């Protein structure tokens, strides 16, 4: 599942790491997250532009902790991070995560908006 749900996309000449969780259940999301670490191998700190799509997902505490673990191991590589598919509950979680990050994760209403911001 990882190859078709986590991939690099070129947008305006910039490489952006896409993690497409849209429509997945919690077990599938955790499996996807487990496969996401390898995309950060051999990357320089503050070099990765990434977009996570949480459209039509329901996050439990175990999924939240899986994302938190991924972030703890990869945030030093992030230059800019965007998320789409947020509802009120996911926005609250995003705000909680941002309290503990050096760089902020930014929420967007659409992939197009997020990609435009990442590619600036």
PDB file of N, CA and C in Angstrom:
ATOM      1  N   UNK A   1       0.805  -1.197   0.000  1.00  0.00           N
ATOM      2  CA  UNK A   1       0.000   0.000   0.000  1.00  0.00           C
ATOM      3  C   UNK A   1       0.849   1.263   0.000  1.00  0.00           C
ATOM      4  N   UNK A   2       2.041   1.213   0.567  1.00  0.00           N
ATOM      5  CA  UNK A   2       2.862   2.402   0.740  1.00  0.00           C
ATOM      6  C   UNK A   2       3.171   3.098  -0.578  1.00  0.00           C
ATOM      7  N   UNK A   3       3.548   2.349  -1.597  1.00  0.00           N
ATOM      8  CA  UNK A   3       3.983   2.933  -2.867  1.00  0.00           C
ATOM      9  C   UNK A   3       2.949   3.783  -3.570  1.00  0.00           C
ATOM     10  N   UNK A   4       1.676   3.417  -3.470  1.00  0.00           N
ATOM     11  CA  UNK A   4       0.658   4.214  -4.138  1.00  0.00           C
ATOM     12  C   UNK A   4       0.056   5.270  -3.222  1.00  0.00           C
ATOM     13  N   UNK A   5       0.392   5.255  -1.942  1.00  0.00           N
ATOM     14  CA  UNK A   5      -0.151   6.206  -0.974  1.00  0.00           C
ATOM     15  C   UNK A   5       0.899   7.162  -0.422  1.00  0.00           C
ATOM     16  N   UNK A   6       2.174   6.816  -0.550  1.00  0.00           N
ATOM     17  CA  UNK A   6       3.267   7.723  -0.180  1.00  0.00           C
ATOM     18  C   UNK A   6       4.178   7.823  -1.387  1.00  0.00           C
ATOM     19  N   UNK A   7       4.374   9.043  -1.859  1.00  0.00           N
ATOM     20  CA  UNK A   7       5.159   9.224  -3.084  1.00  0.00           C
ATOM     21  C   UNK A   7       5.647  10.667  -3.178  1.00  0.00           C
ATOM     22  N   UNK A   8       6.630  10.859  -4.038  1.00  0.00           N
ATOM     23  CA  UNK A   8       7.162  12.192  -4.313  1.00  0.00           C
ATOM     24  C   UNK A   8       6.438  12.768  -5.517  1.00  0.00           C
ATOM     25  N   UNK A   9       6.057  14.030  -5.422  1.00  0.00           N
ATOM     26  CA  UNK A   9       5.389  14.735  -6.517  1.00  0.00           C
ATOM     27  C   UNK A   9       6.153  16.026  -6.777  1.00  0.00           C
ATOM     28  N   UNK A  10       6.352  16.343  -8.044  1.00  0.00           N
ATOM     29  CA  UNK A  10       7.008  17.597  -8.395  1.00  0.00           C
ATOM     30  C   UNK A  10       5.946  18.658  -8.641  1.00  0.00           C
ATOM     31  N   UNK A  11       6.083  19.764  -7.938  1.00  0.00           N
ATOM     32  CA  UNK A  11       5.153  20.893  -8.068  1.00  0.00           C
ATOM     33  C   UNK A  11       5.986  22.159  -8.202  1.00  0.00           C
ATOM     34  N   UNK A  12       5.865  22.813  -9.357  1.00  0.00           N
ATOM     35  CA  UNK A  12       6.633  24.036  -9.629  1.00  0.00           C
ATOM     36  C   UNK A  12       8.124  23.841  -9.382  1.00  0.00           C
ATOM     37  N   UNK A  13       8.621  22.696  -9.785  1.00  0.00           N
ATOM     38  CA  UNK A  13      10.039  22.397  -9.659  1.00  0.00           C
ATOM     39  C   UNK A  13      10.488  21.931  -8.280  1.00  0.00           C
ATOM     40  N   UNK A  14       9.571  21.805  -7.328  1.00  0.00           N
ATOM     41  CA  UNK A  14       9.906  21.369  -5.964  1.00  0.00           C
ATOM     42  C   UNK A  14       9.393  19.953  -5.745  1.00  0.00           C
ATOM     43  N   UNK A  15      10.213  19.146  -5.082  1.00  0.00           N
ATOM     44  CA  UNK A  15       9.818  17.788  -4.710  1.00  0.00           C
ATOM     45  C   UNK A  15       9.015  17.835  -3.411  1.00  0.00           C
ATOM     46  N   UNK A  16       7.809  17.267  -3.443  1.00  0.00           N
ATOM     47  CA  UNK A  16       6.933  17.275  -2.273  1.00  0.00           C
ATOM     48  C   UNK A  16       6.559  15.835  -1.946  1.00  0.00           C
ATOM     49  N   UNK A  17       6.728  15.478  -0.696  1.00  0.00           N
ATOM     50  CA  UNK A  17       6.378  14.145  -0.225  1.00  0.00           C
ATOM     51  C   UNK A  17       4.885  14.124   0.123  1.00  0.00           C
ATOM     52  N   UNK A  18       4.137  13.266  -0.554  1.00  0.00           N
ATOM     53  CA  UNK A  18       2.696  13.140  -0.336  1.00  0.00           C
ATOM     54  C   UNK A  18       2.440  11.874   0.480  1.00  0.00           C
ATOM     55  N   UNK A  19       1.665  12.023   1.573  1.00  0.00           N
ATOM     56  CA  UNK A  19       1.176  10.877   2.333  1.00  0.00           C
ATOM     57  C   UNK A  19      -0.347  10.933   2.255  1.00  0.00           C
ATOM     58  N   UNK A  20      -0.918  10.067   1.427  1.00  0.00           N
ATOM     59  CA  UNK A  20      -2.351  10.083   1.167  1.00  0.00           C
ATOM     60  C   UNK A  20      -3.064   9.067   2.057  1.00  0.00           C
ATOM     61  N   UNK A  21      -3.608   9.553   3.167  1.00  0.00           N
ATOM     62  CA  UNK A  21      -4.347   8.705   4.105  1.00  0.00           C
ATOM     63  C   UNK A  21      -5.850   8.742   3.828  1.00  0.00           C
ATOM     64  N   UNK A  22      -6.261   9.479   2.816  1.00  0.00           N
ATOM     65  CA  UNK A  22      -7.685   9.709   2.581  1.00  0.00           C
ATOM     66  C   UNK A  22      -8.455   8.397   2.452  1.00  0.00           C
ATOM     67  N   UNK A  23      -9.558   8.325   3.201  1.00  0.00           N
ATOM     68  CA  UNK A  23     -10.442   7.172   3.138  1.00  0.00           C
ATOM     69  C   UNK A  23      -9.959   5.917   3.831  1.00  0.00           C
ATOM     70  N   UNK A  24      -8.804   5.961   4.466  1.00  0.00           N
ATOM     71  CA  UNK A  24      -8.263   4.767   5.114  1.00  0.00           C
ATOM     72  C   UNK A  24      -8.808   4.631   6.538  1.00  0.00           C
ATOM     73  N   UNK A  25      -8.862   3.386   7.016  1.00  0.00           N
ATOM     74  CA  UNK A  25      -9.222   3.174   8.416  1.00  0.00           C
ATOM     75  C   UNK A  25      -7.956   3.293   9.273  1.00  0.00           C
ATOM     76  N   UNK A  26      -8.125   3.235  10.578  1.00  0.00           N
ATOM     77  CA  UNK A  26      -6.993   3.475  11.482  1.00  0.00           C
ATOM     78  C   UNK A  26      -5.860   2.468  11.326  1.00  0.00           C
ATOM     79  N   UNK A  27      -6.184   1.199  11.147  1.00  0.00           N
ATOM     80  CA  UNK A  27      -5.134   0.197  10.964  1.00  0.00           C
ATOM     81  C   UNK A  27      -4.356   0.455   9.681  1.00  0.00           C
ATOM     82  N   UNK A  28      -5.056   0.844   8.624  1.00  0.00           N
ATOM     83  CA  UNK A  28      -4.384   1.144   7.357  1.00  0.00           C
ATOM     84  C   UNK A  28      -3.504   2.386   7.482  1.00  0.00           C
ATOM     85  N   UNK A  29      -3.987   3.389   8.218  1.00  0.00           N
ATOM     86  CA  UNK A  29      -3.188   4.600   8.420  1.00  0.00           C
ATOM     87  C   UNK A  29      -1.911   4.271   9.191  1.00  0.00           C
ATOM     88  N   UNK A  30      -2.039   3.475  10.243  1.00  0.00           N
ATOM     89  CA  UNK A  30      -0.847   3.103  11.026  1.00  0.00           C
ATOM     90  C   UNK A  30       0.135   2.302  10.174  1.00  0.00           C
ATOM     91  N   UNK A  31      -0.366   1.438   9.309  1.00  0.00           N
ATOM     92  CA  UNK A  31       0.506   0.686   8.391  1.00  0.00           C
ATOM     93  C   UNK A  31       1.214   1.646   7.436  1.00  0.00           C
ATOM     94  N   UNK A  32       0.482   2.620   6.931  1.00  0.00           N
ATOM     95  CA  UNK A  32       1.068   3.606   6.032  1.00  0.00           C
ATOM     96  C   UNK A  32       2.156   4.415   6.743  1.00  0.00           C
ATOM     97  N   UNK A  33       1.859   4.851   7.954  1.00  0.00           N
ATOM     98  CA  UNK A  33       2.842   5.609   8.734  1.00  0.00           C
ATOM     99  C   UNK A  33       4.109   4.787   8.946  1.00  0.00           C
ATOM    100  N   UNK A  34       3.948   3.520   9.257  1.00  0.00           N
ATOM    101  CA  UNK A  34       5.112   2.645   9.479  1.00  0.00           C
ATOM    102  C   UNK A  34       6.005   2.587   8.245  1.00  0.00           C
ATOM    103  N   UNK A  35       5.421   2.687   7.069  1.00  0.00           N
ATOM    104  CA  UNK A  35       6.201   2.675   5.834  1.00  0.00           C
ATOM    105  C   UNK A  35       6.740   4.039   5.444  1.00  0.00           C
ATOM    106  N   UNK A  36       6.327   5.080   6.161  1.00  0.00           N
ATOM    107  CA  UNK A  36       6.710   6.436   5.799  1.00  0.00           C
ATOM    108  C   UNK A  36       8.110   6.846   6.188  1.00  0.00           C
ATOM    109  N   UNK A  37       8.682   6.174   7.171  1.00  0.00           N
ATOM    110  CA  UNK A  37      10.012   6.554   7.651  1.00  0.00           C
ATOM    111  C   UNK A  37      11.070   6.494   6.554  1.00  0.00           C
ATOM    112  N   UNK A  38      10.979   5.507   5.695  1.00  0.00           N
ATOM    113  CA  UNK A  38      12.025   5.316   4.678  1.00  0.00           C
ATOM    114  C   UNK A  38      12.128   6.475   3.696  1.00  0.00           C
ATOM    115  N   UNK A  39      11.067   7.254   3.557  1.00  0.00           N
ATOM    116  CA  UNK A  39      11.103   8.379   2.617  1.00  0.00           C
ATOM    117  C   UNK A  39      11.964   9.534   3.120  1.00  0.00           C
ATOM    118  N   UNK A  40      12.351   9.466   4.383  1.00  0.00           N
ATOM    119  CA  UNK A  40      13.197  10.508   4.966  1.00  0.00           C
ATOM    120  C   UNK A  40      14.670  10.110   4.985  1.00  0.00           C
ATOM    121  N   UNK A  41      14.972   8.876   4.595  1.00  0.00           N
ATOM    122  CA  UNK A  41      16.363   8.422   4.583  1.00  0.00           C
ATOM    123  C   UNK A  41      17.188   9.271   3.630  1.00  0.00           C
ATOM    124  N   UNK A  42      18.372   9.596   4.054  1.00  0.00           N
ATOM    125  CA  UNK A  42      19.336  10.344   3.248  1.00  0.00           C
ATOM    126  C   UNK A  42      18.886  11.762   2.908  1.00  0.00           C
ATOM    127  N   UNK A  43      17.967  12.314   3.674  1.00  0.00           N
ATOM    128  CA  UNK A  43      17.539  13.694   3.456  1.00  0.00           C
ATOM    129  C   UNK A  43      18.291  14.613   4.413  1.00  0.00           C
ATOM    130  N   UNK A  44      18.529  15.817   3.959  1.00  0.00           N
ATOM    131  CA  UNK A  44      19.190  16.827   4.792  1.00  0.00           C
ATOM    132  C   UNK A  44      18.166  17.429   5.757  1.00  0.00           C
ATOM    133  N   UNK A  45      18.603  17.860   6.929  1.00  0.00           N
ATOM    134  CA  UNK A  45      17.686  18.571   7.833  1.00  0.00           C
ATOM    135  C   UNK A  45      17.082  19.798   7.138  1.00  0.00           C
ATOM    136  N   UNK A  46      15.841  20.085   7.472  1.00  0.00           N
ATOM    137  CA  UNK A  46      15.114  21.238   6.924  1.00  0.00           C
ATOM    138  C   UNK A  46      15.054  21.238   5.401  1.00  0.00           C
ATOM    139  N   UNK A  47      14.832  20.059   4.813  1.00  0.00           N
ATOM    140  CA  UNK A  47      14.809  19.987   3.353  1.00  0.00           C
ATOM    141  C   UNK A  47      13.521  19.390   2.776  1.00  0.00           C
ATOM    142  N   UNK A  48      12.698  18.763   3.603  1.00  0.00           N
ATOM    143  CA  UNK A  48      11.541  18.028   3.083  1.00  0.00           C
ATOM    144  C   UNK A  48      10.279  18.893   3.138  1.00  0.00           C
ATOM    145  N   UNK A  49       9.619  18.972   1.999  1.00  0.00           N
ATOM    146  CA  UNK A  49       8.294  19.575   1.891  1.00  0.00           C
ATOM    147  C   UNK A  49       7.313  18.415   1.885  1.00  0.00           C
ATOM    148  N   UNK A  50       6.306  18.447   2.768  1.00  0.00           N
ATOM    149  CA  UNK A  50       5.402  17.299   2.829  1.00  0.00           C
ATOM    150  C   UNK A  50       3.949  17.719   2.970  1.00  0.00           C
ATOM    151  N   UNK A  51       3.090  16.858   2.438  1.00  0.00           N
ATOM    152  CA  UNK A  51       1.645  17.056   2.477  1.00  0.00           C
ATOM    153  C   UNK A  51       0.996  15.760   2.924  1.00  0.00           C
ATOM    154  N   UNK A  52       0.167  15.837   3.970  1.00  0.00           N
ATOM    155  CA  UNK A  52      -0.599  14.689   4.436  1.00  0.00           C
ATOM    156  C   UNK A  52      -2.073  14.967   4.197  1.00  0.00           C
ATOM    157  N   UNK A  53      -2.754  14.020   3.553  1.00  0.00           N
ATOM    158  CA  UNK A  53      -4.185  14.145   3.271  1.00  0.00           C
ATOM    159  C   UNK A  53      -4.962  13.241   4.220  1.00  0.00           C
ATOM    160  N   UNK A  54      -5.766  13.861   5.091  1.00  0.00           N
ATOM    161  CA  UNK A  54      -6.568  13.133   6.073  1.00  0.00           C
ATOM    162  C   UNK A  54      -8.064  13.176   5.734  1.00  0.00           C
ATOM    163  N   UNK A  55      -8.386  13.449   4.490  1.00  0.00           N
ATOM    164  CA  UNK A  55      -9.776  13.532   4.057  1.00  0.00           C
ATOM    165  C   UNK A  55     -10.493  12.204   4.308  1.00  0.00           C
ATOM    166  N   UNK A  56     -11.696  12.290   4.873  1.00  0.00           N
ATOM    167  CA  UNK A  56     -12.536  11.115   5.137  1.00  0.00           C
ATOM    168  C   UNK A  56     -11.845  10.076   6.009  1.00  0.00           C
ATOM    169  N   UNK A  57     -11.169  10.553   7.045  1.00  0.00           N
ATOM    170  CA  UNK A  57     -10.551   9.651   8.015  1.00  0.00           C
ATOM    171  C   UNK A  57     -11.075   9.989   9.401  1.00  0.00           C
ATOM    172  N   UNK A  58     -11.003   9.019  10.278  1.00  0.00           N
ATOM    173  CA  UNK A  58     -11.348   9.204  11.683  1.00  0.00           C
ATOM    174  C   UNK A  58     -10.133   8.753  12.476  1.00  0.00           C
ATOM    175  N   UNK A  59      -9.557   9.669  13.236  1.00  0.00           N
ATOM    176  CA  UNK A  59      -8.335   9.352  13.960  1.00  0.00           C
ATOM    177  C   UNK A  59      -8.639   8.985  15.406  1.00  0.00           C
ATOM    178  N   UNK A  60      -8.051   7.897  15.848  1.00  0.00           N
ATOM    179  CA  UNK A  60      -8.161   7.492  17.254  1.00  0.00           C
ATOM    180  C   UNK A  60      -6.881   7.901  17.967  1.00  0.00           C
ATOM    181  N   UNK A  61      -6.850   7.670  19.266  1.00  0.00           N
ATOM    182  CA  UNK A  61      -5.636   8.027  20.016  1.00  0.00           C
ATOM    183  C   UNK A  61      -4.436   7.222  19.529  1.00  0.00           C
ATOM    184  N   UNK A  62      -4.637   5.970  19.127  1.00  0.00           N
ATOM    185  CA  UNK A  62      -3.494   5.172  18.655  1.00  0.00           C
ATOM    186  C   UNK A  62      -2.966   5.711  17.323  1.00  0.00           C
ATOM    187  N   UNK A  63      -3.855   6.200  16.475  1.00  0.00           N
ATOM    188  CA  UNK A  63      -3.416   6.788  15.211  1.00  0.00           C
ATOM    189  C   UNK A  63      -2.691   8.106  15.476  1.00  0.00           C
ATOM    190  N   UNK A  64      -3.241   8.897  16.386  1.00  0.00           N
ATOM    191  CA  UNK A  64      -2.594  10.155  16.766  1.00  0.00           C
ATOM    192  C   UNK A  64      -1.175   9.887  17.266  1.00  0.00           C
ATOM    193  N   UNK A  65      -1.015   8.880  18.119  1.00  0.00           N
ATOM    194  CA  UNK A  65       0.311   8.557  18.650  1.00  0.00           C
ATOM    195  C   UNK A  65       1.245   8.048  17.554  1.00  0.00           C
ATOM    196  N   UNK A  66       0.719   7.336  16.575  1.00  0.00           N
ATOM    197  CA  UNK A  66       1.557   6.889  15.448  1.00  0.00           C
ATOM    198  C   UNK A  66       2.062   8.096  14.662  1.00  0.00           C
ATOM    199  N   UNK A  67       1.181   9.079  14.397  1.00  0.00           N
ATOM    200  CA  UNK A  67       1.614  10.308  13.721  1.00  0.00           C
ATOM    201  C   UNK A  67       2.619  11.070  14.585  1.00  0.00           C
ATOM    202  N   UNK A  68       2.382  11.118  15.868  1.00  0.00           N
ATOM    203  CA  UNK A  68       3.289  11.820  16.782  1.00  0.00           C
ATOM    204  C   UNK A  68       4.672  11.171  16.775  1.00  0.00           C
ATOM    205  N   UNK A  69       4.722   9.838  16.756  1.00  0.00           N
ATOM    206  CA  UNK A  69       6.004   9.129  16.687  1.00  0.00           C
ATOM    207  C   UNK A  69       6.724   9.408  15.371  1.00  0.00           C
ATOM    208  N   UNK A  70       5.972   9.391  14.265  1.00  0.00           N
ATOM    209  CA  UNK A  70       6.565   9.710  12.964  1.00  0.00           C
ATOM    210  C   UNK A  70       7.143  11.120  12.995  1.00  0.00           C
ATOM    211  N   UNK A  71       6.378  12.051  13.520  1.00  0.00           N
ATOM    212  CA  UNK A  71       6.834  13.436  13.590  1.00  0.00           C
ATOM    213  C   UNK A  71       8.082  13.574  14.453  1.00  0.00           C
ATOM    214  N   UNK A  72       8.119  12.877  15.566  1.00  0.00           N
ATOM    215  CA  UNK A  72       9.289  12.957  16.461  1.00  0.00           C
ATOM    216  C   UNK A  72      10.560  12.481  15.761  1.00  0.00           C
ATOM    217  N   UNK A  73      10.425  11.512  14.879  1.00  0.00           N
ATOM    218  CA  UNK A  73      11.596  10.945  14.202  1.00  0.00           C
ATOM    219  C   UNK A  73      11.947  11.668  12.912  1.00  0.00           C
ATOM    220  N   UNK A  74      11.026  12.469  12.374  1.00  0.00           N
ATOM    221  CA  UNK A  74      11.270  13.070  11.062  1.00  0.00           C
ATOM    222  C   UNK A  74      11.198  14.591  11.030  1.00  0.00           C
ATOM    223  N   UNK A  75      10.727  15.230  12.097  1.00  0.00           N
ATOM    224  CA  UNK A  75      10.500  16.676  12.027  1.00  0.00           C
ATOM    225  C   UNK A  75      11.760  17.485  11.742  1.00  0.00           C
ATOM    226  N   UNK A  76      12.905  16.979  12.113  1.00  0.00           N
ATOM    227  CA  UNK A  76      14.140  17.736  11.838  1.00  0.00           C
ATOM    228  C   UNK A  76      14.407  17.853  10.340  1.00  0.00           C
ATOM    229  N   UNK A  77      13.794  16.986   9.541  1.00  0.00           N
ATOM    230  CA  UNK A  77      13.980  17.009   8.092  1.00  0.00           C
ATOM    231  C   UNK A  77      12.963  17.914   7.396  1.00  0.00           C
ATOM    232  N   UNK A  78      11.881  18.261   8.107  1.00  0.00           N
ATOM    233  CA  UNK A  78      10.806  19.048   7.504  1.00  0.00           C
ATOM    234  C   UNK A  78      11.187  20.508   7.340  1.00  0.00           C
ATOM    235  N   UNK A  79      10.974  21.007   6.143  1.00  0.00           N
ATOM    236  CA  UNK A  79      11.105  22.434   5.883  1.00  0.00           C
ATOM    237  C   UNK A  79       9.724  23.074   6.020  1.00  0.00           C
ATOM    238  N   UNK A  80       8.736  22.486   5.350  1.00  0.00           N
ATOM    239  CA  UNK A  80       7.345  22.934   5.446  1.00  0.00           C
ATOM    240  C   UNK A  80       6.448  21.698   5.416  1.00  0.00           C
ATOM    241  N   UNK A  81       5.403  21.726   6.235  1.00  0.00           N
ATOM    242  CA  UNK A  81       4.475  20.599   6.312  1.00  0.00           C
ATOM    243  C   UNK A  81       3.052  21.122   6.218  1.00  0.00           C
ATOM    244  N   UNK A  82       2.265  20.492   5.345  1.00  0.00           N
ATOM    245  CA  UNK A  82       0.862  20.870   5.157  1.00  0.00           C
ATOM    246  C   UNK A  82      -0.032  19.653   5.378  1.00  0.00           C
ATOM    247  N   UNK A  83      -1.267  19.932   5.821  1.00  0.00           N
ATOM    248  CA  UNK A  83      -2.266  18.886   6.029  1.00  0.00           C
ATOM    249  C   UNK A  83      -3.577  19.358   5.420  1.00  0.00           C
ATOM    250  N   UNK A  84      -4.273  18.456   4.741  1.00  0.00           N
ATOM    251  CA  UNK A  84      -5.623  18.732   4.246  1.00  0.00           C
ATOM    252  C   UNK A  84      -6.575  17.684   4.813  1.00  0.00           C
ATOM    253  N   UNK A  85      -7.865  18.002   4.759  1.00  0.00           N
ATOM    254  CA  UNK A  85      -8.877  17.064   5.247  1.00  0.00           C
ATOM    255  C   UNK A  85      -9.143  17.193   6.736  1.00  0.00           C
ATOM    256  N   UNK A  86      -8.937  18.397   7.266  1.00  0.00           N
ATOM    257  CA  UNK A  86      -9.131  18.611   8.701  1.00  0.00           C
ATOM    258  C   UNK A  86     -10.588  18.960   9.014  1.00  0.00           C
ATOM    259  N   UNK A  87     -11.094  18.371  10.074  1.00  0.00           N
ATOM    260  CA  UNK A  87     -12.359  18.794  10.652  1.00  0.00           C
ATOM    261  C   UNK A  87     -12.033  19.440  11.999  1.00  0.00           C
ATOM    262  N   UNK A  88     -13.022  19.749  12.785  1.00  0.00           N
ATOM    263  CA  UNK A  88     -12.752  20.426  14.066  1.00  0.00           C
ATOM    264  C   UNK A  88     -11.884  19.582  14.990  1.00  0.00           C
ATOM    265  N   UNK A  89     -12.183  18.297  15.099  1.00  0.00           N
ATOM    266  CA  UNK A  89     -11.402  17.430  15.990  1.00  0.00           C
ATOM    267  C   UNK A  89      -9.952  17.314  15.520  1.00  0.00           C
ATOM    268  N   UNK A  90      -9.745  17.148  14.227  1.00  0.00           N
ATOM    269  CA  UNK A  90      -8.379  17.043  13.699  1.00  0.00           C
ATOM    270  C   UNK A  90      -7.632  18.363  13.836  1.00  0.00           C
ATOM    271  N   UNK A  91      -8.351  19.471  13.734  1.00  0.00           N
ATOM    272  CA  UNK A  91      -7.726  20.779  13.912  1.00  0.00           C
ATOM    273  C   UNK A  91      -7.251  20.943  15.352  1.00  0.00           C
ATOM    274  N   UNK A  92      -8.026  20.466  16.303  1.00  0.00           N
ATOM    275  CA  UNK A  92      -7.608  20.505  17.708  1.00  0.00           C
ATOM    276  C   UNK A  92      -6.337  19.686  17.901  1.00  0.00           C
ATOM    277  N   UNK A  93      -6.285  18.492  17.295  1.00  0.00           N
ATOM    278  CA  UNK A  93      -5.078  17.664  17.388  1.00  0.00           C
ATOM    279  C   UNK A  93      -3.885  18.352  16.735  1.00  0.00           C
ATOM    280  N   UNK A  94      -4.113  18.980  15.583  1.00  0.00           N
ATOM    281  CA  UNK A  94      -3.036  19.693  14.902  1.00  0.00           C
ATOM    282  C   UNK A  94      -2.506  20.817  15.786  1.00  0.00           C
ATOM    283  N   UNK A  95      -3.385  21.552  16.409  1.00  0.00           N
ATOM    284  CA  UNK A  95      -2.954  22.625  17.315  1.00  0.00           C
ATOM    285  C   UNK A  95      -2.141  22.079  18.482  1.00  0.00           C
ATOM    286  N   UNK A  96      -2.526  20.923  18.982  1.00  0.00           N
ATOM    287  CA  UNK A  96      -1.783  20.280  20.068  1.00  0.00           C
ATOM    288  C   UNK A  96      -0.387  19.880  19.607  1.00  0.00           C
ATOM    289  N   UNK A  97      -0.295  19.265  18.432  1.00  0.00           N
ATOM    290  CA  UNK A  97       1.006  18.869  17.876  1.00  0.00           C
ATOM    291  C   UNK A  97       1.882  20.101  17.659  1.00  0.00           C
ATOM    292  N   UNK A  98       1.295  21.176  17.148  1.00  0.00           N
ATOM    293  CA  UNK A  98       2.075  22.387  16.862  1.00  0.00           C
ATOM    294  C   UNK A  98       2.665  23.027  18.110  1.00  0.00           C
ATOM    295  N   UNK A  99       2.078  22.784  19.261  1.00  0.00           N
ATOM    296  CA  UNK A  99       2.619  23.337  20.505  1.00  0.00           C
ATOM    297  C   UNK A  99       3.998  22.771  20.826  1.00  0.00           C
ATOM    298  N   UNK A 100       4.286  21.587  20.306  1.00  0.00           N
ATOM    299  CA  UNK A 100       5.541  20.905  20.638  1.00  0.00           C
ATOM    300  C   UNK A 100       6.528  20.862  19.474  1.00  0.00           C
ATOM    301  N   UNK A 101       6.223  21.533  18.379  1.00  0.00           N
ATOM    302  CA  UNK A 101       7.087  21.535  17.202  1.00  0.00           C
ATOM    303  C   UNK A 101       7.813  22.854  17.061  1.00  0.00           C
ATOM    304  N   UNK A 102       9.016  22.791  16.505  1.00  0.00           N
ATOM    305  CA  UNK A 102       9.741  24.012  16.179  1.00  0.00           C
ATOM    306  C   UNK A 102       9.111  24.685  14.972  1.00  0.00           C
ATOM    307  N   UNK A 103       8.809  23.909  13.935  1.00  0.00           N
ATOM    308  CA  UNK A 103       8.146  24.450  12.752  1.00  0.00           C
ATOM    309  C   UNK A 103       6.682  24.015  12.785  1.00  0.00           C
ATOM    310  N   UNK A 104       5.823  24.862  12.327  1.00  0.00           N
ATOM    311  CA  UNK A 104       4.391  24.611  12.398  1.00  0.00           C
ATOM    312  C   UNK A 104       3.892  23.827  11.191  1.00  0.00           C
ATOM    313  N   UNK A 105       2.927  22.974  11.450  1.00  0.00           N
ATOM    314  CA  UNK A 105       2.201  22.275  10.387  1.00  0.00           C
ATOM    315  C   UNK A 105       1.012  23.163  10.058  1.00  0.00           C
ATOM    316  N   UNK A 106       0.789  23.399   8.782  1.00  0.00           N
ATOM    317  CA  UNK A 106      -0.278  24.301   8.369  1.00  0.00           C
ATOM    318  C   UNK A 106      -1.408  23.508   7.718  1.00  0.00           C
ATOM    319  N   UNK A 107      -2.641  23.809   8.130  1.00  0.00           N
ATOM    320  CA  UNK A 107      -3.817  23.157   7.562  1.00  0.00           C
ATOM    321  C   UNK A 107      -4.377  23.931   6.386  1.00  0.00           C
ATOM    322  N   UNK A 108      -4.894  23.196   5.394  1.00  0.00           N
ATOM    323  CA  UNK A 108      -5.477  23.798   4.193  1.00  0.00           C
ATOM    324  C   UNK A 108      -6.791  23.103   3.852  1.00  0.00           C
ATOM    325  N   UNK A 109      -7.622  23.798   3.078  1.00  0.00           N
ATOM    326  CA  UNK A 109      -8.909  23.245   2.656  1.00  0.00           C
ATOM    327  C   UNK A 109      -8.791  22.300   1.472  1.00  0.00           C
ATOM    328  N   UNK A 110      -7.730  22.434   0.683  1.00  0.00           N
ATOM    329  CA  UNK A 110      -7.583  21.585  -0.503  1.00  0.00           C
ATOM    330  C   UNK A 110      -6.121  21.254  -0.754  1.00  0.00           C
ATOM    331  N   UNK A 111      -5.903  20.184  -1.517  1.00  0.00           N
ATOM    332  CA  UNK A 111      -4.537  19.821  -1.913  1.00  0.00           C
ATOM    333  C   UNK A 111      -3.907  20.916  -2.753  1.00  0.00           C
ATOM    334  N   UNK A 112      -4.703  21.520  -3.626  1.00  0.00           N
ATOM    335  CA  UNK A 112      -4.184  22.552  -4.518  1.00  0.00           C
ATOM    336  C   UNK A 112      -3.610  23.723  -3.714  1.00  0.00           C
ATOM    337  N   UNK A 113      -4.354  24.177  -2.691  1.00  0.00           N
ATOM    338  CA  UNK A 113      -3.876  25.258  -1.834  1.00  0.00           C
ATOM    339  C   UNK A 113      -2.589  24.845  -1.104  1.00  0.00           C
ATOM    340  N   UNK A 114      -2.588  23.642  -0.578  1.00  0.00           N
ATOM    341  CA  UNK A 114      -1.426  23.151   0.165  1.00  0.00           C
ATOM    342  C   UNK A 114      -0.208  23.030  -0.746  1.00  0.00           C
ATOM    343  N   UNK A 115      -0.389  22.474  -1.920  1.00  0.00           N
ATOM    344  CA  UNK A 115       0.728  22.329  -2.851  1.00  0.00           C
ATOM    345  C   UNK A 115       1.280  23.692  -3.281  1.00  0.00           C
ATOM    346  N   UNK A 116       0.387  24.646  -3.515  1.00  0.00           N
ATOM    347  CA  UNK A 116       0.842  25.997  -3.897  1.00  0.00           C
ATOM    348  C   UNK A 116       1.684  26.607  -2.785  1.00  0.00           C
ATOM    349  N   UNK A 117       1.251  26.460  -1.529  1.00  0.00           N
ATOM    350  CA  UNK A 117       1.999  27.004  -0.399  1.00  0.00           C
ATOM    351  C   UNK A 117       3.350  26.296  -0.251  1.00  0.00           C
ATOM    352  N   UNK A 118       3.356  24.985  -0.370  1.00  0.00           N
ATOM    353  CA  UNK A 118       4.602  24.235  -0.241  1.00  0.00           C
ATOM    354  C   UNK A 118       5.605  24.584  -1.336  1.00  0.00           C
ATOM    355  N   UNK A 119       5.109  24.852  -2.537  1.00  0.00           N
ATOM    356  CA  UNK A 119       5.989  25.105  -3.675  1.00  0.00           C
ATOM    357  C   UNK A 119       6.456  26.560  -3.766  1.00  0.00           C
ATOM    358  N   UNK A 120       6.021  27.427  -2.867  1.00  0.00           N
ATOM    359  CA  UNK A 120       6.446  28.841  -2.888  1.00  0.00           C
ATOM    360  C   UNK A 120       7.939  28.950  -2.690  1.00  0.00           C
TER     361      UNK A 120
END
